[in-house]
Amino acid sequence: MNIGQASDATGLPAKTIRYYEDIDLIKPARAANGYRDYDNADVHRLAFIQRSRSLGFSIDECRALLSLYEDKARASSDVKALALEKITEIDRKLKELKSLRATLKTLADNCHGDDRPDCPIIDEMARGVGA
């Protein structure tokens, strides 16, 4: 199938599919006319990558997962280790976001939000600028 059909089958934009080929995540065959020729295995790889990306895995992590996906002799412990690492990273990011939210909430709560120019939000953001 051509790239448009592969795009329709996976929901990925053709530009993304070309990018995945450029970085060697997929390697579709080429037809005699030089056009990419995606088979069912390519579409499954693309769908796998898409799902992995939607779960927050980076391109390099997707590369590792794809390698494990294609290795029928893989140990599930290797896959689980990658998933647990991602969970740890997500937990760290959640903690950071909660802290950022608390800080911004405190600043917003202390801002009068009126016509006065004094604003603790701006003051906090400007602290240390140009120092």
C-alpha atoms as a PDB file:
ATOM      1  CA  MET A   1       0.000   0.000   0.000  1.00  0.00           C
ATOM      2  CA  ASN A   2       1.124   3.570  -0.548  1.00  0.00           C
ATOM      3  CA  ILE A   3       1.817   6.128   2.163  1.00  0.00           C
ATOM      4  CA  GLY A   4      -1.695   7.588   1.936  1.00  0.00           C
ATOM      5  CA  GLN A   5      -3.217   4.189   2.570  1.00  0.00           C
ATOM      6  CA  ALA A   6      -0.793   3.543   5.437  1.00  0.00           C
ATOM      7  CA  SER A   7      -1.740   6.933   6.844  1.00  0.00           C
ATOM      8  CA  ASP A   8      -5.437   6.093   6.609  1.00  0.00           C
ATOM      9  CA  ALA A   9      -4.870   2.688   8.219  1.00  0.00           C
ATOM     10  CA  THR A  10      -2.925   4.086  11.190  1.00  0.00           C
ATOM     11  CA  GLY A  11      -4.284   7.606  11.564  1.00  0.00           C
ATOM     12  CA  LEU A  12      -0.733   8.943  11.384  1.00  0.00           C
ATOM     13  CA  PRO A  13       0.013  11.859   9.069  1.00  0.00           C
ATOM     14  CA  ALA A  14       2.130  10.957   6.032  1.00  0.00           C
ATOM     15  CA  LYS A  15       4.754  13.448   7.254  1.00  0.00           C
ATOM     16  CA  THR A  16       5.103  11.498  10.520  1.00  0.00           C
ATOM     17  CA  ILE A  17       5.398   8.216   8.645  1.00  0.00           C
ATOM     18  CA  ARG A  18       8.163   9.694   6.468  1.00  0.00           C
ATOM     19  CA  TYR A  19       9.901  10.952   9.612  1.00  0.00           C
ATOM     20  CA  TYR A  20       9.756   7.477  11.179  1.00  0.00           C
ATOM     21  CA  GLU A  21      11.339   6.132   8.005  1.00  0.00           C
ATOM     22  CA  ASP A  22      14.020   8.857   8.028  1.00  0.00           C
ATOM     23  CA  ILE A  23      15.053   7.892  11.558  1.00  0.00           C
ATOM     24  CA  ASP A  24      14.927   4.172  10.709  1.00  0.00           C
ATOM     25  CA  LEU A  25      11.999   3.187  12.909  1.00  0.00           C
ATOM     26  CA  ILE A  26      10.408   1.580   9.878  1.00  0.00           C
ATOM     27  CA  LYS A  27      11.866   0.437   6.582  1.00  0.00           C
ATOM     28  CA  PRO A  28       9.175  -0.018   3.949  1.00  0.00           C
ATOM     29  CA  ALA A  29      10.043  -1.671   0.684  1.00  0.00           C
ATOM     30  CA  ARG A  30      10.230   0.377  -2.481  1.00  0.00           C
ATOM     31  CA  ALA A  31       8.111  -0.431  -5.510  1.00  0.00           C
ATOM     32  CA  ALA A  32       9.679  -0.547  -8.962  1.00  0.00           C
ATOM     33  CA  ASN A  33       8.635   3.083  -9.471  1.00  0.00           C
ATOM     34  CA  GLY A  34      10.550   4.105  -6.322  1.00  0.00           C
ATOM     35  CA  TYR A  35       7.481   4.782  -4.191  1.00  0.00           C
ATOM     36  CA  ARG A  36       7.237   3.443  -0.669  1.00  0.00           C
ATOM     37  CA  ASP A  37       5.312   0.192  -0.440  1.00  0.00           C
ATOM     38  CA  TYR A  38       3.922  -0.505   3.022  1.00  0.00           C
ATOM     39  CA  ASP A  39       2.855  -4.030   3.904  1.00  0.00           C
ATOM     40  CA  ASN A  40       0.710  -5.183   6.823  1.00  0.00           C
ATOM     41  CA  ALA A  41       3.784  -5.635   9.032  1.00  0.00           C
ATOM     42  CA  ASP A  42       4.763  -1.986   8.410  1.00  0.00           C
ATOM     43  CA  VAL A  43       1.247  -0.847   9.343  1.00  0.00           C
ATOM     44  CA  HIS A  44       1.405  -2.916  12.548  1.00  0.00           C
ATOM     45  CA  ARG A  45       4.799  -1.370  13.410  1.00  0.00           C
ATOM     46  CA  LEU A  46       3.407   2.115  12.783  1.00  0.00           C
ATOM     47  CA  ALA A  47       0.389   1.403  14.974  1.00  0.00           C
ATOM     48  CA  PHE A  48       2.693   0.024  17.670  1.00  0.00           C
ATOM     49  CA  ILE A  49       4.847   3.156  17.536  1.00  0.00           C
ATOM     50  CA  GLN A  50       1.766   5.377  17.607  1.00  0.00           C
ATOM     51  CA  ARG A  51       0.415   3.601  20.701  1.00  0.00           C
ATOM     52  CA  SER A  52       3.825   3.741  22.398  1.00  0.00           C
ATOM     53  CA  ARG A  53       4.094   7.467  21.709  1.00  0.00           C
ATOM     54  CA  SER A  54       0.573   8.015  23.058  1.00  0.00           C
ATOM     55  CA  LEU A  55       1.710   6.354  26.289  1.00  0.00           C
ATOM     56  CA  GLY A  56       4.499   8.925  26.585  1.00  0.00           C
ATOM     57  CA  PHE A  57       7.463   6.948  25.307  1.00  0.00           C
ATOM     58  CA  SER A  58      10.197   8.907  23.537  1.00  0.00           C
ATOM     59  CA  ILE A  59      11.442   8.002  20.072  1.00  0.00           C
ATOM     60  CA  ASP A  60      14.457   6.205  21.570  1.00  0.00           C
ATOM     61  CA  GLU A  61      12.216   4.342  24.003  1.00  0.00           C
ATOM     62  CA  CYS A  62       9.933   3.406  21.105  1.00  0.00           C
ATOM     63  CA  ARG A  63      12.974   2.087  19.266  1.00  0.00           C
ATOM     64  CA  ALA A  64      13.773  -0.156  22.250  1.00  0.00           C
ATOM     65  CA  LEU A  65      10.145  -1.254  22.587  1.00  0.00           C
ATOM     66  CA  LEU A  66       9.919  -1.964  18.867  1.00  0.00           C
ATOM     67  CA  SER A  67      13.047  -4.080  19.106  1.00  0.00           C
ATOM     68  CA  LEU A  68      11.483  -6.032  21.965  1.00  0.00           C
ATOM     69  CA  TYR A  69       8.168  -6.263  20.081  1.00  0.00           C
ATOM     70  CA  GLU A  70       9.920  -7.849  17.120  1.00  0.00           C
ATOM     71  CA  ASP A  71      12.045 -10.188  19.273  1.00  0.00           C
ATOM     72  CA  LYS A  72       9.933 -13.270  19.890  1.00  0.00           C
ATOM     73  CA  ALA A  73      12.586 -14.546  22.330  1.00  0.00           C
ATOM     74  CA  ARG A  74      12.331 -11.407  24.483  1.00  0.00           C
ATOM     75  CA  ALA A  75      11.968 -11.560  28.225  1.00  0.00           C
ATOM     76  CA  SER A  76       8.819  -9.854  29.446  1.00  0.00           C
ATOM     77  CA  SER A  77      10.915  -8.537  32.331  1.00  0.00           C
ATOM     78  CA  ASP A  78      12.748  -6.301  29.837  1.00  0.00           C
ATOM     79  CA  VAL A  79       9.454  -4.818  28.666  1.00  0.00           C
ATOM     80  CA  LYS A  80       8.219  -4.419  32.232  1.00  0.00           C
ATOM     81  CA  ALA A  81      11.444  -2.643  33.204  1.00  0.00           C
ATOM     82  CA  LEU A  82      10.888  -0.052  30.452  1.00  0.00           C
ATOM     83  CA  ALA A  83       7.282   0.440  31.563  1.00  0.00           C
ATOM     84  CA  LEU A  84       8.313   0.865  35.206  1.00  0.00           C
ATOM     85  CA  GLU A  85      10.975   3.409  34.220  1.00  0.00           C
ATOM     86  CA  LYS A  86       8.290   5.358  32.332  1.00  0.00           C
ATOM     87  CA  ILE A  87       5.981   5.238  35.357  1.00  0.00           C
ATOM     88  CA  THR A  88       8.780   6.615  37.546  1.00  0.00           C
ATOM     89  CA  GLU A  89       9.352   9.433  35.037  1.00  0.00           C
ATOM     90  CA  ILE A  90       5.618  10.203  34.895  1.00  0.00           C
ATOM     91  CA  ASP A  91       5.425  10.279  38.711  1.00  0.00           C
ATOM     92  CA  ARG A  92       8.359  12.727  38.800  1.00  0.00           C
ATOM     93  CA  LYS A  93       6.689  14.950  36.208  1.00  0.00           C
ATOM     94  CA  LEU A  94       3.387  14.833  38.109  1.00  0.00           C
ATOM     95  CA  LYS A  95       5.171  15.918  41.278  1.00  0.00           C
ATOM     96  CA  GLU A  96       6.799  18.802  39.384  1.00  0.00           C
ATOM     97  CA  LEU A  97       3.483  19.848  37.869  1.00  0.00           C
ATOM     98  CA  LYS A  98       1.738  19.759  41.255  1.00  0.00           C
ATOM     99  CA  SER A  99       4.477  21.948  42.703  1.00  0.00           C
ATOM    100  CA  LEU A 100       4.226  24.383  39.790  1.00  0.00           C
ATOM    101  CA  ARG A 101       0.459  24.472  40.169  1.00  0.00           C
ATOM    102  CA  ALA A 102       0.699  25.163  43.905  1.00  0.00           C
ATOM    103  CA  THR A 103       3.161  27.996  43.327  1.00  0.00           C
ATOM    104  CA  LEU A 104       1.064  29.571  40.595  1.00  0.00           C
ATOM    105  CA  LYS A 105      -2.118  29.147  42.645  1.00  0.00           C
ATOM    106  CA  THR A 106      -0.497  30.934  45.605  1.00  0.00           C
ATOM    107  CA  LEU A 107       0.627  33.761  43.337  1.00  0.00           C
ATOM    108  CA  ALA A 108      -2.824  34.062  41.749  1.00  0.00           C
ATOM    109  CA  ASP A 109      -4.491  34.003  45.164  1.00  0.00           C
ATOM    110  CA  ASN A 110      -2.249  36.887  46.288  1.00  0.00           C
ATOM    111  CA  CYS A 111      -2.921  38.984  43.209  1.00  0.00           C
ATOM    112  CA  HIS A 112      -5.669  41.532  43.678  1.00  0.00           C
ATOM    113  CA  GLY A 113      -6.651  41.270  40.025  1.00  0.00           C
ATOM    114  CA  ASP A 114      -7.767  44.878  39.895  1.00  0.00           C
ATOM    115  CA  ASP A 115      -6.644  48.069  38.161  1.00  0.00           C
ATOM    116  CA  ARG A 116      -3.576  48.519  40.370  1.00  0.00           C
ATOM    117  CA  PRO A 117      -0.193  47.895  38.721  1.00  0.00           C
ATOM    118  CA  ASP A 118       1.169  45.884  41.672  1.00  0.00           C
ATOM    119  CA  CYS A 119       1.119  42.206  40.746  1.00  0.00           C
ATOM    120  CA  PRO A 120       2.823  39.440  42.749  1.00  0.00           C
ATOM    121  CA  ILE A 121       2.699  37.152  39.716  1.00  0.00           C
ATOM    122  CA  ILE A 122       4.780  39.537  37.606  1.00  0.00           C
ATOM    123  CA  ASP A 123       7.014  40.328  40.590  1.00  0.00           C
ATOM    124  CA  GLU A 124       7.767  36.618  41.112  1.00  0.00           C
ATOM    125  CA  MET A 125       8.497  36.045  37.434  1.00  0.00           C
ATOM    126  CA  ALA A 126      10.768  39.085  37.308  1.00  0.00           C
ATOM    127  CA  ARG A 127      12.717  38.080  40.422  1.00  0.00           C
ATOM    128  CA  GLY A 128      16.277  37.381  39.409  1.00  0.00           C
ATOM    129  CA  VAL A 129      15.828  38.631  35.840  1.00  0.00           C
ATOM    130  CA  GLY A 130      18.824  40.679  34.779  1.00  0.00           C
ATOM    131  CA  ALA A 131      20.728  39.905  37.964  1.00  0.00           C
END
